[in-house]
PDB file of N, CA and C in Angstrom:
ATOM      1  N   MET A   1     149.214  71.705 137.820  1.00  0.00           N
ATOM      2  CA  MET A   1     147.543  70.961 137.785  1.00  0.00           C
ATOM      3  C   MET A   1     147.628  69.768 137.653  1.00  0.00           C
ATOM      4  N   SER A   2     147.332  68.795 138.287  1.00  0.00           N
ATOM      5  CA  SER A   2     146.896  67.529 137.945  1.00  0.00           C
ATOM      6  C   SER A   2     145.475  67.256 137.946  1.00  0.00           C
ATOM      7  N   VAL A   3     145.059  66.462 136.847  1.00  0.00           N
ATOM      8  CA  VAL A   3     143.786  65.874 136.336  1.00  0.00           C
ATOM      9  C   VAL A   3     143.427  64.821 136.963  1.00  0.00           C
ATOM     10  N   ALA A   4     142.095  64.511 137.062  1.00  0.00           N
ATOM     11  CA  ALA A   4     141.512  63.157 137.818  1.00  0.00           C
ATOM     12  C   ALA A   4     141.383  62.145 136.323  1.00  0.00           C
ATOM     13  N   LEU A   5     142.040  61.344 136.187  1.00  0.00           N
ATOM     14  CA  LEU A   5     142.162  60.534 135.032  1.00  0.00           C
ATOM     15  C   LEU A   5     141.384  59.057 135.385  1.00  0.00           C
ATOM     16  N   GLN A   6     140.710  58.517 134.613  1.00  0.00           N
ATOM     17  CA  GLN A   6     140.233  57.300 134.726  1.00  0.00           C
ATOM     18  C   GLN A   6     140.521  56.297 133.615  1.00  0.00           C
ATOM     19  N   CYS A   7     140.517  55.223 133.985  1.00  0.00           N
ATOM     20  CA  CYS A   7     140.766  53.959 133.044  1.00  0.00           C
ATOM     21  C   CYS A   7     139.642  54.196 132.088  1.00  0.00           C
ATOM     22  N   PRO A   8     140.041  54.037 130.738  1.00  0.00           N
ATOM     23  CA  PRO A   8     139.085  54.067 129.477  1.00  0.00           C
ATOM     24  C   PRO A   8     137.999  52.838 129.602  1.00  0.00           C
ATOM     25  N   GLN A   9     138.478  51.950 130.064  1.00  0.00           N
ATOM     26  CA  GLN A   9     138.042  50.456 130.049  1.00  0.00           C
ATOM     27  C   GLN A   9     137.168  50.324 131.300  1.00  0.00           C
ATOM     28  N   CYS A  10     137.474  50.441 132.495  1.00  0.00           N
ATOM     29  CA  CYS A  10     136.657  49.986 133.809  1.00  0.00           C
ATOM     30  C   CYS A  10     136.488  51.243 134.648  1.00  0.00           C
ATOM     31  N   GLN A  11     137.208  52.381 134.034  1.00  0.00           N
ATOM     32  CA  GLN A  11     136.946  53.539 134.802  1.00  0.00           C
ATOM     33  C   GLN A  11     137.234  53.626 136.093  1.00  0.00           C
ATOM     34  N   ALA A  12     138.209  52.995 136.466  1.00  0.00           N
ATOM     35  CA  ALA A  12     138.776  53.126 137.688  1.00  0.00           C
ATOM     36  C   ALA A  12     140.000  54.287 137.777  1.00  0.00           C
ATOM     37  N   PRO A  13     140.254  54.832 138.882  1.00  0.00           N
ATOM     38  CA  PRO A  13     141.152  56.034 138.819  1.00  0.00           C
ATOM     39  C   PRO A  13     142.375  55.601 138.719  1.00  0.00           C
ATOM     40  N   ILE A  14     143.058  56.300 137.852  1.00  0.00           N
ATOM     41  CA  ILE A  14     144.571  56.052 137.191  1.00  0.00           C
ATOM     42  C   ILE A  14     145.286  57.441 137.625  1.00  0.00           C
ATOM     43  N   SER A  15     146.711  57.241 137.453  1.00  0.00           N
ATOM     44  CA  SER A  15     147.313  58.492 137.440  1.00  0.00           C
ATOM     45  C   SER A  15     147.999  58.629 136.132  1.00  0.00           C
ATOM     46  N   ALA A  16     148.212  59.698 135.913  1.00  0.00           N
ATOM     47  CA  ALA A  16     148.772  60.059 134.352  1.00  0.00           C
ATOM     48  C   ALA A  16     149.872  59.305 133.832  1.00  0.00           C
ATOM     49  N   ASN A  17     151.005  58.986 134.470  1.00  0.00           N
ATOM     50  CA  ASN A  17     151.833  57.973 134.242  1.00  0.00           C
ATOM     51  C   ASN A  17     151.567  56.439 134.244  1.00  0.00           C
ATOM     52  N   THR A  18     150.540  56.342 134.207  1.00  0.00           N
ATOM     53  CA  THR A  18     150.101  54.770 134.351  1.00  0.00           C
ATOM     54  C   THR A  18     149.897  53.988 133.113  1.00  0.00           C
ATOM     55  N   LYS A  19     150.413  52.959 132.681  1.00  0.00           N
ATOM     56  CA  LYS A  19     150.666  52.385 131.352  1.00  0.00           C
ATOM     57  C   LYS A  19     149.483  51.405 131.131  1.00  0.00           C
ATOM     58  N   LYS A  20     149.343  50.705 132.363  1.00  0.00           N
ATOM     59  CA  LYS A  20     148.318  49.500 132.385  1.00  0.00           C
ATOM     60  C   LYS A  20     147.381  49.832 133.763  1.00  0.00           C
ATOM     61  N   CYS A  21     146.102  49.323 133.600  1.00  0.00           N
ATOM     62  CA  CYS A  21     145.251  49.346 134.579  1.00  0.00           C
ATOM     63  C   CYS A  21     145.468  48.425 135.433  1.00  0.00           C
ATOM     64  N   GLU A  22     145.597  48.817 136.966  1.00  0.00           N
ATOM     65  CA  GLU A  22     145.669  47.740 137.754  1.00  0.00           C
ATOM     66  C   GLU A  22     144.363  46.976 138.179  1.00  0.00           C
ATOM     67  N   TYR A  23     143.561  47.449 137.920  1.00  0.00           N
ATOM     68  CA  TYR A  23     142.115  46.662 138.170  1.00  0.00           C
ATOM     69  C   TYR A  23     141.770  45.813 137.083  1.00  0.00           C
ATOM     70  N   CYS A  24     141.720  46.139 135.601  1.00  0.00           N
ATOM     71  CA  CYS A  24     141.066  45.313 134.737  1.00  0.00           C
ATOM     72  C   CYS A  24     142.161  44.923 133.784  1.00  0.00           C
ATOM     73  N   GLN A  25     143.446  45.528 133.952  1.00  0.00           N
ATOM     74  CA  GLN A  25     144.800  45.242 133.192  1.00  0.00           C
ATOM     75  C   GLN A  25     144.703  45.820 131.768  1.00  0.00           C
ATOM     76  N   SER A  26     143.842  46.667 131.464  1.00  0.00           N
ATOM     77  CA  SER A  26     143.730  47.083 130.081  1.00  0.00           C
ATOM     78  C   SER A  26     144.934  48.055 129.981  1.00  0.00           C
ATOM     79  N   GLU A  27     145.347  48.094 128.516  1.00  0.00           N
ATOM     80  CA  GLU A  27     146.525  49.378 128.334  1.00  0.00           C
ATOM     81  C   GLU A  27     145.947  50.534 128.337  1.00  0.00           C
ATOM     82  N   ILE A  28     146.238  51.683 128.783  1.00  0.00           N
ATOM     83  CA  ILE A  28     145.825  53.093 129.136  1.00  0.00           C
ATOM     84  C   ILE A  28     145.992  53.686 127.559  1.00  0.00           C
ATOM     85  N   PHE A  29     147.513  53.524 127.301  1.00  0.00           N
ATOM     86  CA  PHE A  29     147.937  53.983 125.890  1.00  0.00           C
ATOM     87  C   PHE A  29     148.076  53.036 124.878  1.00  0.00           C
ATOM     88  N   VAL A  30     147.153  53.463 123.638  1.00  0.00           N
ATOM     89  CA  VAL A  30     147.082  52.619 122.488  1.00  0.00           C
ATOM     90  C   VAL A  30     148.236  53.185 121.779  1.00  0.00           C
ATOM     91  N   ASN A  31     149.058  52.139 120.879  1.00  0.00           N
ATOM     92  CA  ASN A  31     149.436  52.817 119.806  1.00  0.00           C
ATOM     93  C   ASN A  31     149.247  51.811 118.395  1.00  0.00           C
ATOM     94  N   SER A  32     147.997  51.310 118.608  1.00  0.00           N
ATOM     95  CA  SER A  32     147.657  50.466 117.168  1.00  0.00           C
ATOM     96  C   SER A  32     146.043  50.367 117.196  1.00  0.00           C
ATOM     97  N   VAL A  33     146.059  50.548 115.979  1.00  0.00           N
ATOM     98  CA  VAL A  33     144.656  50.526 115.643  1.00  0.00           C
ATOM     99  C   VAL A  33     143.762  49.057 115.938  1.00  0.00           C
ATOM    100  N   ALA A  34     144.837  48.066 115.818  1.00  0.00           N
ATOM    101  CA  ALA A  34     144.592  46.411 116.043  1.00  0.00           C
ATOM    102  C   ALA A  34     143.773  46.311 117.748  1.00  0.00           C
ATOM    103  N   TYR A  35     144.492  47.166 118.298  1.00  0.00           N
ATOM    104  CA  TYR A  35     144.086  47.026 119.935  1.00  0.00           C
ATOM    105  C   TYR A  35     142.627  47.542 120.008  1.00  0.00           C
ATOM    106  N   LEU A  36     142.202  48.778 119.674  1.00  0.00           N
ATOM    107  CA  LEU A  36     140.903  49.414 119.741  1.00  0.00           C
ATOM    108  C   LEU A  36     139.999  49.006 118.802  1.00  0.00           C
ATOM    109  N   SER A  37     140.110  48.289 117.611  1.00  0.00           N
ATOM    110  CA  SER A  37     138.949  47.815 116.849  1.00  0.00           C
ATOM    111  C   SER A  37     138.207  46.665 117.279  1.00  0.00           C
ATOM    112  N   THR A  38     138.703  45.962 118.316  1.00  0.00           N
ATOM    113  CA  THR A  38     137.766  45.212 118.844  1.00  0.00           C
ATOM    114  C   THR A  38     136.832  45.925 119.906  1.00  0.00           C
ATOM    115  N   LYS A  39     137.347  47.167 120.218  1.00  0.00           N
ATOM    116  CA  LYS A  39     136.262  47.929 121.305  1.00  0.00           C
ATOM    117  C   LYS A  39     135.187  48.534 120.872  1.00  0.00           C
ATOM    118  N   ASP A  40     133.968  48.704 121.483  1.00  0.00           N
ATOM    119  CA  ASP A  40     132.984  49.313 120.952  1.00  0.00           C
ATOM    120  C   ASP A  40     132.962  50.806 120.988  1.00  0.00           C
ATOM    121  N   SER A  41     132.038  51.522 120.576  1.00  0.00           N
ATOM    122  CA  SER A  41     132.223  52.966 120.475  1.00  0.00           C
ATOM    123  C   SER A  41     132.485  53.757 121.935  1.00  0.00           C
ATOM    124  N   GLY A  42     131.656  53.016 122.777  1.00  0.00           N
ATOM    125  CA  GLY A  42     131.640  53.993 123.842  1.00  0.00           C
ATOM    126  C   GLY A  42     133.128  53.745 124.438  1.00  0.00           C
ATOM    127  N   VAL A  43     133.660  52.663 124.338  1.00  0.00           N
ATOM    128  CA  VAL A  43     135.078  52.402 125.039  1.00  0.00           C
ATOM    129  C   VAL A  43     136.159  53.629 124.078  1.00  0.00           C
ATOM    130  N   ILE A  44     135.880  53.582 122.900  1.00  0.00           N
ATOM    131  CA  ILE A  44     136.804  54.311 122.205  1.00  0.00           C
ATOM    132  C   ILE A  44     136.532  55.919 122.564  1.00  0.00           C
ATOM    133  N   SER A  45     134.991  56.361 122.713  1.00  0.00           N
ATOM    134  CA  SER A  45     135.177  57.761 123.124  1.00  0.00           C
ATOM    135  C   SER A  45     135.588  57.770 124.550  1.00  0.00           C
ATOM    136  N   ARG A  46     135.937  56.726 125.637  1.00  0.00           N
ATOM    137  CA  ARG A  46     136.270  57.301 126.854  1.00  0.00           C
ATOM    138  C   ARG A  46     137.987  57.189 126.441  1.00  0.00           C
ATOM    139  N   TYR A  47     138.388  56.250 125.660  1.00  0.00           N
ATOM    140  CA  TYR A  47     139.829  56.327 125.311  1.00  0.00           C
ATOM    141  C   TYR A  47     139.987  58.262 124.637  1.00  0.00           C
ATOM    142  N   LEU A  48     139.463  58.295 123.980  1.00  0.00           N
ATOM    143  CA  LEU A  48     139.810  59.660 123.089  1.00  0.00           C
ATOM    144  C   LEU A  48     139.607  60.713 124.359  1.00  0.00           C
ATOM    145  N   SER A  49     138.578  60.820 125.341  1.00  0.00           N
ATOM    146  CA  SER A  49     138.290  61.638 126.239  1.00  0.00           C
ATOM    147  C   SER A  49     139.217  61.872 127.189  1.00  0.00           C
ATOM    148  N   SER A  50     139.598  60.495 127.617  1.00  0.00           N
ATOM    149  CA  SER A  50     141.150  60.726 128.430  1.00  0.00           C
ATOM    150  C   SER A  50     142.462  61.059 127.682  1.00  0.00           C
ATOM    151  N   TYR A  51     142.801  60.843 126.784  1.00  0.00           N
ATOM    152  CA  TYR A  51     143.697  61.569 125.959  1.00  0.00           C
ATOM    153  C   TYR A  51     143.551  63.121 125.911  1.00  0.00           C
ATOM    154  N   GLN A  52     142.349  63.487 125.325  1.00  0.00           N
ATOM    155  CA  GLN A  52     142.245  64.920 125.156  1.00  0.00           C
ATOM    156  C   GLN A  52     142.134  65.756 126.437  1.00  0.00           C
ATOM    157  N   THR A  53     142.106  64.931 127.667  1.00  0.00           N
ATOM    158  CA  THR A  53     142.304  65.404 129.096  1.00  0.00           C
ATOM    159  C   THR A  53     143.850  65.978 129.283  1.00  0.00           C
ATOM    160  N   LEU A  54     144.525  64.927 128.948  1.00  0.00           N
ATOM    161  CA  LEU A  54     146.058  64.753 128.890  1.00  0.00           C
ATOM    162  C   LEU A  54     146.445  65.790 128.029  1.00  0.00           C
ATOM    163  N   LEU A  55     145.847  66.140 127.186  1.00  0.00           N
ATOM    164  CA  LEU A  55     146.451  67.150 125.878  1.00  0.00           C
ATOM    165  C   LEU A  55     146.265  68.404 126.099  1.00  0.00           C
ATOM    166  N   ASN A  56     145.189  68.549 127.243  1.00  0.00           N
ATOM    167  CA  ASN A  56     144.720  69.853 127.602  1.00  0.00           C
ATOM    168  C   ASN A  56     145.622  70.255 128.809  1.00  0.00           C
ATOM    169  N   GLU A  57     146.324  69.299 129.238  1.00  0.00           N
ATOM    170  CA  GLU A  57     147.228  69.653 130.292  1.00  0.00           C
ATOM    171  C   GLU A  57     148.453  69.755 129.738  1.00  0.00           C
ATOM    172  N   ASN A  58     149.168  68.791 128.672  1.00  0.00           N
ATOM    173  CA  ASN A  58     150.207  68.935 127.839  1.00  0.00           C
ATOM    174  C   ASN A  58     150.019  68.880 126.624  1.00  0.00           C
ATOM    175  N   PRO A  59     150.007  69.622 125.799  1.00  0.00           N
ATOM    176  CA  PRO A  59     149.463  69.373 124.471  1.00  0.00           C
ATOM    177  C   PRO A  59     150.909  68.660 123.600  1.00  0.00           C
ATOM    178  N   ARG A  60     151.817  68.462 124.204  1.00  0.00           N
ATOM    179  CA  ARG A  60     152.970  67.660 123.562  1.00  0.00           C
ATOM    180  C   ARG A  60     152.984  66.258 124.143  1.00  0.00           C
ATOM    181  N   ASN A  61     152.069  65.739 124.787  1.00  0.00           N
ATOM    182  CA  ASN A  61     152.340  64.424 125.240  1.00  0.00           C
ATOM    183  C   ASN A  61     152.058  63.782 124.146  1.00  0.00           C
ATOM    184  N   LEU A  62     153.199  62.971 123.927  1.00  0.00           N
ATOM    185  CA  LEU A  62     153.372  61.903 122.575  1.00  0.00           C
ATOM    186  C   LEU A  62     152.415  60.969 122.717  1.00  0.00           C
ATOM    187  N   GLU A  63     152.220  59.948 124.017  1.00  0.00           N
ATOM    188  CA  GLU A  63     151.372  58.962 124.023  1.00  0.00           C
ATOM    189  C   GLU A  63     149.935  59.383 123.577  1.00  0.00           C
ATOM    190  N   ALA A  64     149.809  60.572 124.344  1.00  0.00           N
ATOM    191  CA  ALA A  64     148.177  60.957 124.104  1.00  0.00           C
ATOM    192  C   ALA A  64     147.988  61.450 122.541  1.00  0.00           C
ATOM    193  N   ASN A  65     148.780  62.226 122.017  1.00  0.00           N
ATOM    194  CA  ASN A  65     148.651  62.604 120.623  1.00  0.00           C
ATOM    195  C   ASN A  65     148.506  61.166 119.723  1.00  0.00           C
ATOM    196  N   VAL A  66     149.285  60.269 119.803  1.00  0.00           N
ATOM    197  CA  VAL A  66     149.192  59.028 119.010  1.00  0.00           C
ATOM    198  C   VAL A  66     147.784  58.283 119.495  1.00  0.00           C
ATOM    199  N   GLY A  67     147.587  58.321 120.647  1.00  0.00           N
ATOM    200  CA  GLY A  67     146.158  57.846 121.056  1.00  0.00           C
ATOM    201  C   GLY A  67     144.834  58.521 120.450  1.00  0.00           C
ATOM    202  N   VAL A  68     145.036  59.856 120.477  1.00  0.00           N
ATOM    203  CA  VAL A  68     143.916  60.386 119.692  1.00  0.00           C
ATOM    204  C   VAL A  68     144.065  60.200 118.324  1.00  0.00           C
ATOM    205  N   GLY A  69     145.298  59.864 117.723  1.00  0.00           N
ATOM    206  CA  GLY A  69     145.074  60.016 116.174  1.00  0.00           C
ATOM    207  C   GLY A  69     144.447  58.532 115.924  1.00  0.00           C
ATOM    208  N   VAL A  70     145.091  57.435 116.753  1.00  0.00           N
ATOM    209  CA  VAL A  70     144.523  56.201 116.584  1.00  0.00           C
ATOM    210  C   VAL A  70     142.885  56.051 116.570  1.00  0.00           C
ATOM    211  N   CYS A  71     142.416  56.467 117.462  1.00  0.00           N
ATOM    212  CA  CYS A  71     141.020  56.980 117.660  1.00  0.00           C
ATOM    213  C   CYS A  71     140.150  57.433 116.634  1.00  0.00           C
ATOM    214  N   PHE A  72     140.772  58.450 116.294  1.00  0.00           N
ATOM    215  CA  PHE A  72     140.154  59.236 114.916  1.00  0.00           C
ATOM    216  C   PHE A  72     140.384  58.189 113.926  1.00  0.00           C
ATOM    217  N   LEU A  73     141.344  57.238 113.637  1.00  0.00           N
ATOM    218  CA  LEU A  73     141.581  56.410 112.496  1.00  0.00           C
ATOM    219  C   LEU A  73     140.488  55.330 112.833  1.00  0.00           C
ATOM    220  N   ILE A  74     140.493  54.886 114.006  1.00  0.00           N
ATOM    221  CA  ILE A  74     139.081  53.899 114.001  1.00  0.00           C
ATOM    222  C   ILE A  74     137.961  54.364 113.598  1.00  0.00           C
ATOM    223  N   ARG A  75     137.745  55.516 113.601  1.00  0.00           N
ATOM    224  CA  ARG A  75     136.433  56.138 113.367  1.00  0.00           C
ATOM    225  C   ARG A  75     136.215  56.534 112.034  1.00  0.00           C
ATOM    226  N   GLY A  76     137.480  56.420 111.302  1.00  0.00           N
ATOM    227  CA  GLY A  76     137.545  56.725 110.018  1.00  0.00           C
ATOM    228  C   GLY A  76     137.596  58.411 109.447  1.00  0.00           C
ATOM    229  N   LEU A  77     138.024  59.029 110.702  1.00  0.00           N
ATOM    230  CA  LEU A  77     138.318  60.329 110.561  1.00  0.00           C
ATOM    231  C   LEU A  77     139.830  60.497 110.222  1.00  0.00           C
ATOM    232  N   TYR A  78     140.100  60.586 109.060  1.00  0.00           N
ATOM    233  CA  TYR A  78     141.631  60.427 108.785  1.00  0.00           C
ATOM    234  C   TYR A  78     142.173  62.089 108.711  1.00  0.00           C
ATOM    235  N   GLN A  79     141.475  63.119 108.304  1.00  0.00           N
ATOM    236  CA  GLN A  79     141.816  64.462 108.571  1.00  0.00           C
ATOM    237  C   GLN A  79     141.973  64.686 109.656  1.00  0.00           C
ATOM    238  N   GLU A  80     141.270  64.316 110.445  1.00  0.00           N
ATOM    239  CA  GLU A  80     141.237  64.630 112.080  1.00  0.00           C
ATOM    240  C   GLU A  80     142.461  63.974 112.641  1.00  0.00           C
ATOM    241  N   ALA A  81     142.916  62.939 112.239  1.00  0.00           N
ATOM    242  CA  ALA A  81     143.898  62.012 112.985  1.00  0.00           C
ATOM    243  C   ALA A  81     145.382  62.599 112.694  1.00  0.00           C
ATOM    244  N   GLN A  82     145.528  63.268 111.360  1.00  0.00           N
ATOM    245  CA  GLN A  82     146.767  63.787 110.775  1.00  0.00           C
ATOM    246  C   GLN A  82     147.272  64.811 111.702  1.00  0.00           C
ATOM    247  N   PRO A  83     146.848  65.791 112.281  1.00  0.00           N
ATOM    248  CA  PRO A  83     147.664  66.741 113.295  1.00  0.00           C
ATOM    249  C   PRO A  83     148.152  66.302 114.579  1.00  0.00           C
ATOM    250  N   TYR A  84     147.415  64.879 114.996  1.00  0.00           N
ATOM    251  CA  TYR A  84     147.751  64.262 116.171  1.00  0.00           C
ATOM    252  C   TYR A  84     149.147  63.586 115.810  1.00  0.00           C
ATOM    253  N   PHE A  85     149.162  62.983 114.803  1.00  0.00           N
ATOM    254  CA  PHE A  85     150.272  62.159 114.212  1.00  0.00           C
ATOM    255  C   PHE A  85     151.424  63.286 113.926  1.00  0.00           C
ATOM    256  N   VAL A  86     151.234  64.228 113.229  1.00  0.00           N
ATOM    257  CA  VAL A  86     152.352  65.129 113.054  1.00  0.00           C
ATOM    258  C   VAL A  86     152.847  65.468 114.531  1.00  0.00           C
ATOM    259  N   MET A  87     151.997  66.184 115.449  1.00  0.00           N
ATOM    260  CA  MET A  87     152.613  66.488 116.616  1.00  0.00           C
ATOM    261  C   MET A  87     153.370  65.337 117.273  1.00  0.00           C
ATOM    262  N   ALA A  88     152.898  64.072 117.272  1.00  0.00           N
ATOM    263  CA  ALA A  88     153.780  63.075 117.984  1.00  0.00           C
ATOM    264  C   ALA A  88     155.036  62.685 117.167  1.00  0.00           C
ATOM    265  N   THR A  89     155.187  62.962 115.990  1.00  0.00           N
ATOM    266  CA  THR A  89     156.107  62.961 114.978  1.00  0.00           C
ATOM    267  C   THR A  89     157.016  63.860 115.803  1.00  0.00           C
ATOM    268  N   LYS A  90     156.826  65.102 115.611  1.00  0.00           N
ATOM    269  CA  LYS A  90     157.637  66.265 116.199  1.00  0.00           C
ATOM    270  C   LYS A  90     158.366  66.095 117.524  1.00  0.00           C
ATOM    271  N   ASN A  91     157.425  65.582 118.341  1.00  0.00           N
ATOM    272  CA  ASN A  91     157.757  65.500 119.662  1.00  0.00           C
ATOM    273  C   ASN A  91     158.746  64.295 119.878  1.00  0.00           C
ATOM    274  N   LEU A  92     158.717  63.183 119.270  1.00  0.00           N
ATOM    275  CA  LEU A  92     159.307  61.852 119.082  1.00  0.00           C
ATOM    276  C   LEU A  92     160.793  62.482 118.469  1.00  0.00           C
ATOM    277  N   PHE A  93     160.757  63.393 117.635  1.00  0.00           N
ATOM    278  CA  PHE A  93     162.132  63.731 117.016  1.00  0.00           C
ATOM    279  C   PHE A  93     162.703  64.798 118.210  1.00  0.00           C
ATOM    280  N   ARG A  94     162.191  65.736 118.949  1.00  0.00           N
ATOM    281  CA  ARG A  94     162.589  66.422 119.833  1.00  0.00           C
ATOM    282  C   ARG A  94     163.194  65.470 121.130  1.00  0.00           C
ATOM    283  N   ILE A  95     162.552  64.385 121.441  1.00  0.00           N
ATOM    284  CA  ILE A  95     162.871  63.536 122.321  1.00  0.00           C
ATOM    285  C   ILE A  95     164.171  63.029 121.968  1.00  0.00           C
ATOM    286  N   PHE A  96     164.236  62.323 120.705  1.00  0.00           N
ATOM    287  CA  PHE A  96     165.382  61.669 120.262  1.00  0.00           C
ATOM    288  C   PHE A  96     166.623  62.735 120.376  1.00  0.00           C
ATOM    289  N   LEU A  97     166.511  63.935 119.588  1.00  0.00           N
ATOM    290  CA  LEU A  97     167.561  64.991 119.654  1.00  0.00           C
ATOM    291  C   LEU A  97     168.084  65.249 121.226  1.00  0.00           C
ATOM    292  N   LYS A  98     166.816  65.537 122.019  1.00  0.00           N
ATOM    293  CA  LYS A  98     167.694  65.915 123.146  1.00  0.00           C
ATOM    294  C   LYS A  98     168.096  64.809 123.900  1.00  0.00           C
ATOM    295  N   LEU A  99     167.887  63.373 123.724  1.00  0.00           N
ATOM    296  CA  LEU A  99     168.605  62.494 124.319  1.00  0.00           C
ATOM    297  C   LEU A  99     169.712  62.086 123.854  1.00  0.00           C
ATOM    298  N   MET A 100     169.988  62.615 122.450  1.00  0.00           N
ATOM    299  CA  MET A 100     171.368  62.131 121.585  1.00  0.00           C
ATOM    300  C   MET A 100     172.271  63.220 122.307  1.00  0.00           C
ATOM    301  N   LEU A 101     171.777  64.487 122.480  1.00  0.00           N
ATOM    302  CA  LEU A 101     172.743  65.639 122.685  1.00  0.00           C
ATOM    303  C   LEU A 101     173.238  65.658 123.965  1.00  0.00           C
ATOM    304  N   GLN A 102     172.271  65.020 124.895  1.00  0.00           N
ATOM    305  CA  GLN A 102     172.762  64.855 126.531  1.00  0.00           C
ATOM    306  C   GLN A 102     173.704  63.723 126.289  1.00  0.00           C
ATOM    307  N   LYS A 103     173.495  62.590 125.704  1.00  0.00           N
ATOM    308  CA  LYS A 103     174.185  61.470 125.563  1.00  0.00           C
ATOM    309  C   LYS A 103     175.967  61.987 125.410  1.00  0.00           C
ATOM    310  N   LEU A 104     175.924  62.902 124.400  1.00  0.00           N
ATOM    311  CA  LEU A 104     177.204  63.484 124.058  1.00  0.00           C
ATOM    312  C   LEU A 104     177.789  64.221 125.230  1.00  0.00           C
ATOM    313  N   ARG A 105     177.014  65.007 126.128  1.00  0.00           N
ATOM    314  CA  ARG A 105     177.726  65.619 127.270  1.00  0.00           C
ATOM    315  C   ARG A 105     178.713  66.682 126.989  1.00  0.00           C
ATOM    316  N   SER A 106     178.045  67.373 126.096  1.00  0.00           N
ATOM    317  CA  SER A 106     179.428  68.496 125.458  1.00  0.00           C
ATOM    318  C   SER A 106     178.762  69.930 125.152  1.00  0.00           C
ATOM    319  N   PRO A 107     179.266  70.708 124.735  1.00  0.00           N
ATOM    320  CA  PRO A 107     178.563  72.067 124.664  1.00  0.00           C
ATOM    321  C   PRO A 107     177.682  72.270 123.693  1.00  0.00           C
ATOM    322  N   TYR A 108     177.429  71.154 122.851  1.00  0.00           N
ATOM    323  CA  TYR A 108     176.314  70.942 121.690  1.00  0.00           C
ATOM    324  C   TYR A 108     175.284  70.990 122.383  1.00  0.00           C
ATOM    325  N   VAL A 109     174.873  70.412 123.664  1.00  0.00           N
ATOM    326  CA  VAL A 109     173.466  70.412 123.939  1.00  0.00           C
ATOM    327  C   VAL A 109     172.942  71.906 123.734  1.00  0.00           C
ATOM    328  N   SER A 110     173.568  72.913 124.011  1.00  0.00           N
ATOM    329  CA  SER A 110     172.937  74.051 123.707  1.00  0.00           C
ATOM    330  C   SER A 110     172.408  74.459 122.338  1.00  0.00           C
ATOM    331  N   LEU A 111     172.891  73.601 121.436  1.00  0.00           N
ATOM    332  CA  LEU A 111     172.211  73.450 119.924  1.00  0.00           C
ATOM    333  C   LEU A 111     170.881  72.990 120.054  1.00  0.00           C
ATOM    334  N   TYR A 112     170.293  72.267 120.885  1.00  0.00           N
ATOM    335  CA  TYR A 112     169.287  71.501 120.923  1.00  0.00           C
ATOM    336  C   TYR A 112     167.947  72.514 120.378  1.00  0.00           C
ATOM    337  N   SER A 113     167.873  73.786 121.062  1.00  0.00           N
ATOM    338  CA  SER A 113     166.632  74.440 120.819  1.00  0.00           C
ATOM    339  C   SER A 113     166.696  74.775 119.417  1.00  0.00           C
ATOM    340  N   SER A 114     167.643  75.419 118.874  1.00  0.00           N
ATOM    341  CA  SER A 114     167.905  76.005 117.623  1.00  0.00           C
ATOM    342  C   SER A 114     167.494  74.749 116.700  1.00  0.00           C
ATOM    343  N   VAL A 115     168.440  73.746 116.840  1.00  0.00           N
ATOM    344  CA  VAL A 115     168.159  72.636 115.858  1.00  0.00           C
ATOM    345  C   VAL A 115     166.717  72.269 115.794  1.00  0.00           C
ATOM    346  N   ALA A 116     165.816  72.163 117.126  1.00  0.00           N
ATOM    347  CA  ALA A 116     164.474  71.655 117.373  1.00  0.00           C
ATOM    348  C   ALA A 116     163.676  72.722 116.443  1.00  0.00           C
ATOM    349  N   ARG A 117     163.869  73.874 116.821  1.00  0.00           N
ATOM    350  CA  ARG A 117     163.298  74.974 115.963  1.00  0.00           C
ATOM    351  C   ARG A 117     163.384  74.799 114.182  1.00  0.00           C
ATOM    352  N   ASN A 118     164.603  74.829 113.756  1.00  0.00           N
ATOM    353  CA  ASN A 118     164.729  74.754 112.495  1.00  0.00           C
ATOM    354  C   ASN A 118     164.094  73.347 112.178  1.00  0.00           C
ATOM    355  N   PHE A 119     164.054  72.526 112.691  1.00  0.00           N
ATOM    356  CA  PHE A 119     163.367  70.936 112.322  1.00  0.00           C
ATOM    357  C   PHE A 119     161.905  71.055 112.018  1.00  0.00           C
ATOM    358  N   SER A 120     161.414  71.910 113.264  1.00  0.00           N
ATOM    359  CA  SER A 120     159.905  72.237 113.040  1.00  0.00           C
ATOM    360  C   SER A 120     159.639  73.234 111.872  1.00  0.00           C
ATOM    361  N   THR A 121     160.314  73.988 111.525  1.00  0.00           N
ATOM    362  CA  THR A 121     160.080  74.874 110.466  1.00  0.00           C
ATOM    363  C   THR A 121     160.062  74.018 109.220  1.00  0.00           C
ATOM    364  N   ALA A 122     161.305  73.167 108.982  1.00  0.00           N
ATOM    365  CA  ALA A 122     161.141  72.280 107.905  1.00  0.00           C
ATOM    366  C   ALA A 122     160.181  71.299 107.633  1.00  0.00           C
ATOM    367  N   TYR A 123     159.859  70.778 108.928  1.00  0.00           N
ATOM    368  CA  TYR A 123     158.887  69.793 108.772  1.00  0.00           C
ATOM    369  C   TYR A 123     157.642  70.150 108.639  1.00  0.00           C
ATOM    370  N   ASP A 124     157.264  71.580 108.974  1.00  0.00           N
ATOM    371  CA  ASP A 124     155.751  72.114 108.633  1.00  0.00           C
ATOM    372  C   ASP A 124     156.092  72.559 107.036  1.00  0.00           C
ATOM    373  N   THR A 125     157.143  73.065 106.611  1.00  0.00           N
ATOM    374  CA  THR A 125     157.212  73.175 105.387  1.00  0.00           C
ATOM    375  C   THR A 125     156.873  71.867 104.137  1.00  0.00           C
ATOM    376  N   PHE A 126     157.594  71.141 104.665  1.00  0.00           N
ATOM    377  CA  PHE A 126     157.187  69.664 103.939  1.00  0.00           C
ATOM    378  C   PHE A 126     156.121  69.152 103.896  1.00  0.00           C
ATOM    379  N   LEU A 127     155.198  69.474 105.027  1.00  0.00           N
ATOM    380  CA  LEU A 127     153.876  68.740 105.115  1.00  0.00           C
ATOM    381  C   LEU A 127     152.944  69.875 104.312  1.00  0.00           C
ATOM    382  N   THR A 128     153.207  70.922 104.102  1.00  0.00           N
ATOM    383  CA  THR A 128     152.391  71.651 103.472  1.00  0.00           C
ATOM    384  C   THR A 128     152.916  72.003 101.687  1.00  0.00           C
ATOM    385  N   ASN A 129     153.943  71.283 101.402  1.00  0.00           N
ATOM    386  CA  ASN A 129     154.154  71.109 100.102  1.00  0.00           C
ATOM    387  C   ASN A 129     153.541  69.635  99.355  1.00  0.00           C
TER     388      ASN A 129
END
């Protein structure tokens, strides 16, 4: 299922893998508070809406999780930002582990799901303590 996305700045149509709007040249995925801190609340709301649309389609979308977290930080909603950064961190580790194991090109690739599952459990335990 593909969702219709718009640039959060100019609202031109974009695809899910677009990094920069071809019309207004604004960044689609932000990863810093500095970039959004110069934007008004309407633009931040559009970024947040765009990221949440992507997360509805794929809750593990790394860039969308970071983007939602950054939007919440800008708004001073620190508790709301935390789960999105946690999910992004978990996903980043999964991506790293998968790439590392693929690079090995060995029978160890089958260990990926076991290691990732154990990491998630350990990470969740760490966060609750």
